[in-house]
Amino acid sequence: MCWAMNIRLIRTYLVDLYKLGAGTRYIRSPTNELAMFFGVSQQSASRIINELYKLEYIDKRYVERTLWIRITEKGLSEIEDYIKYINDAYSHPGEFIFEGYVTTGLGEGAYYMSRRGYILQFEKYLGFTPYPGTLNVKLNNPYYISQNRLL
């Protein structure tokens, strides 16, 4: 079985290494110390470092049998992307963006939107009076389709 990290773990470990100073210089990095910092076993810390190196997120060197590591430009770029991701989550909480195309429906949206009780439910739970009709959007990206199912 191949041991591989997902992008969330990669970003977390890169941020941890950045906090240790590896974003601007090589830092001395014994795996037992990294293990304590990452909250994993020494063997797992070694695997993490090797995986980050293999994926070119960090550079590593040995000087007199001591490991020194530094985050590469690719790794720094990944941290910047993570910062943007977090900032976007804070600046647009609960907002979802979908892409698709407008299509015709069966006409049932206009019927329901003409019902007073239906409109009152919108006003009560969503805080606004909706447009009298519906907009049918066909999602064509599998990712957006899966996200729509979560809603």
Protein backbone atom coordinates (compact mmCIF):
# COMPACT_ATOMS: atom_id res chain seq x y z
CA MET A 1 0.00 0.00 0.00
CA CYS A 2 1.32 3.43 -0.94
CA TRP A 3 1.44 6.01 1.85
CA ALA A 4 0.45 9.40 0.49
CA MET A 5 -0.68 12.64 2.06
CA ASN A 6 -3.66 14.62 0.90
CA ILE A 7 -3.31 18.32 0.18
CA ARG A 8 -4.81 19.32 3.55
CA LEU A 9 -2.12 17.43 5.43
CA ILE A 10 0.58 18.75 3.13
CA ARG A 11 -0.52 22.31 3.79
CA THR A 12 -0.67 21.73 7.55
CA TYR A 13 2.85 20.31 7.70
CA LEU A 14 4.20 23.08 5.47
CA VAL A 15 2.69 25.70 7.78
CA ASP A 16 4.23 23.89 10.77
CA LEU A 17 7.65 23.95 9.09
CA TYR A 18 7.16 27.60 8.19
CA LYS A 19 6.48 28.38 11.86
CA LEU A 20 9.83 26.77 12.67
CA GLY A 21 11.58 29.14 10.24
CA ALA A 22 11.96 26.84 7.23
CA GLY A 23 10.30 29.36 4.93
CA THR A 24 13.34 31.63 4.81
CA ARG A 25 16.31 29.40 5.63
CA TYR A 26 17.46 25.85 6.22
CA ILE A 27 16.59 24.66 9.70
CA ARG A 28 18.11 21.82 11.69
CA SER A 29 15.42 19.15 11.74
CA PRO A 30 16.01 15.96 13.71
CA THR A 31 13.02 13.70 13.07
CA ASN A 32 12.45 13.09 16.79
CA GLU A 33 11.96 16.85 17.28
CA LEU A 34 9.75 17.13 14.20
CA ALA A 35 7.71 14.18 15.49
CA MET A 36 6.96 16.06 18.72
CA PHE A 37 6.12 19.23 16.80
CA PHE A 38 3.85 17.41 14.30
CA GLY A 39 2.29 15.24 17.03
CA VAL A 40 3.23 11.98 15.29
CA SER A 41 5.74 9.16 15.75
CA GLN A 42 9.35 9.59 14.67
CA GLN A 43 8.77 7.12 11.83
CA SER A 44 5.75 9.12 10.63
CA ALA A 45 7.72 12.37 10.83
CA SER A 46 10.41 10.79 8.66
CA ARG A 47 7.77 9.66 6.15
CA ILE A 48 6.22 13.13 6.11
CA ILE A 49 9.56 14.79 5.38
CA ASN A 50 10.38 12.24 2.66
CA GLU A 51 6.97 12.72 1.04
CA LEU A 52 7.25 16.52 1.12
CA TYR A 53 10.72 16.22 -0.42
CA LYS A 54 9.54 13.78 -3.10
CA LEU A 55 6.71 16.18 -4.00
CA GLU A 56 9.28 19.03 -4.14
CA TYR A 57 7.63 21.06 -1.38
CA ILE A 58 10.83 21.06 0.67
CA ASP A 59 14.54 20.73 0.06
CA LYS A 60 16.61 18.69 2.46
CA ARG A 61 20.31 18.38 3.11
CA TYR A 62 22.42 16.37 5.46
CA VAL A 63 25.34 18.08 7.14
CA GLU A 64 27.41 15.77 9.33
CA ARG A 65 24.50 13.32 9.57
CA THR A 66 22.09 16.06 10.64
CA LEU A 67 19.00 16.81 8.56
CA TRP A 68 18.45 20.40 7.45
CA ILE A 69 15.30 21.38 5.55
CA ARG A 70 13.90 24.45 3.81
CA ILE A 71 10.55 25.04 2.12
CA THR A 72 10.89 25.41 -1.66
CA GLU A 73 9.15 28.01 -3.84
CA LYS A 74 6.55 25.36 -4.67
CA GLY A 75 5.94 24.83 -0.95
CA LEU A 76 5.71 28.56 -0.27
CA SER A 77 3.23 28.88 -3.14
CA GLU A 78 1.13 26.12 -1.56
CA ILE A 79 1.13 28.00 1.76
CA GLU A 80 0.01 31.18 -0.03
CA ASP A 81 -2.81 29.23 -1.71
CA TYR A 82 -3.83 27.91 1.72
CA ILE A 83 -3.88 31.43 3.16
CA LYS A 84 -6.10 32.56 0.27
CA TYR A 85 -8.38 29.57 0.86
CA ILE A 86 -8.75 30.42 4.56
CA ASN A 87 -9.23 34.14 3.89
CA ASP A 88 -11.90 33.33 1.32
CA ALA A 89 -13.71 31.14 3.86
CA TYR A 90 -13.68 33.99 6.38
CA SER A 91 -14.75 36.67 3.93
CA HIS A 92 -17.57 34.61 2.32
CA PRO A 93 -19.00 32.31 5.02
CA GLY A 94 -21.76 30.04 3.82
CA GLU A 95 -21.42 31.19 0.22
CA PHE A 96 -21.32 28.56 -2.50
CA ILE A 97 -20.33 29.17 -6.10
CA PHE A 98 -21.64 26.89 -8.81
CA GLU A 99 -21.16 26.99 -12.56
CA GLY A 100 -23.62 25.70 -15.11
CA TYR A 101 -26.06 26.87 -17.73
CA VAL A 102 -29.64 28.12 -17.56
CA THR A 103 -32.22 25.67 -18.86
CA THR A 104 -36.01 25.53 -19.15
CA GLY A 105 -38.06 23.81 -16.50
CA LEU A 106 -41.55 22.32 -16.35
CA GLY A 107 -43.24 25.53 -15.21
CA GLU A 108 -43.94 24.30 -11.69
CA GLY A 109 -41.71 27.00 -10.16
CA ALA A 110 -44.05 29.79 -11.21
CA TYR A 111 -47.00 27.88 -9.75
CA TYR A 112 -45.40 27.44 -6.33
CA MET A 113 -44.11 30.99 -6.28
CA SER A 114 -47.69 32.21 -6.78
CA ARG A 115 -48.77 30.52 -3.52
CA ARG A 116 -48.88 32.89 -0.52
CA GLY A 117 -47.92 30.19 2.01
CA TYR A 118 -44.87 29.27 -0.03
CA ILE A 119 -43.71 32.90 -0.22
CA LEU A 120 -44.26 33.34 3.54
CA GLN A 121 -41.96 30.37 4.19
CA PHE A 122 -39.22 32.05 2.15
CA GLU A 123 -39.70 35.30 4.04
CA LYS A 124 -39.67 33.53 7.41
CA TYR A 125 -36.64 31.28 6.88
CA LEU A 126 -34.54 33.21 4.37
CA GLY A 127 -35.50 36.78 5.21
CA PHE A 128 -36.47 37.94 1.73
CA THR A 129 -39.31 37.79 -0.78
CA PRO A 130 -38.20 35.73 -3.77
CA TYR A 131 -38.63 36.57 -7.42
CA PRO A 132 -41.95 35.10 -8.68
CA GLY A 133 -40.52 32.17 -10.62
CA THR A 134 -37.52 29.90 -10.51
CA LEU A 135 -34.22 29.72 -12.29
CA ASN A 136 -33.19 26.28 -13.48
CA VAL A 137 -29.43 25.81 -13.69
CA LYS A 138 -27.95 22.61 -15.06
CA LEU A 139 -24.63 21.82 -13.38
CA ASN A 140 -22.11 20.23 -15.73
CA ASN A 141 -19.05 19.82 -13.52
CA PRO A 142 -19.00 16.61 -11.42
CA TYR A 143 -17.47 18.53 -8.49
CA TYR A 144 -20.32 21.07 -8.45
CA ILE A 145 -22.87 18.28 -8.77
CA SER A 146 -21.41 16.53 -5.70
CA GLN A 147 -21.36 19.82 -3.76
CA ASN A 148 -24.99 20.47 -4.67
CA ARG A 149 -25.92 17.07 -3.22
CA LEU A 150 -24.33 18.11 0.09
CA LEU A 151 -26.65 21.11 0.28
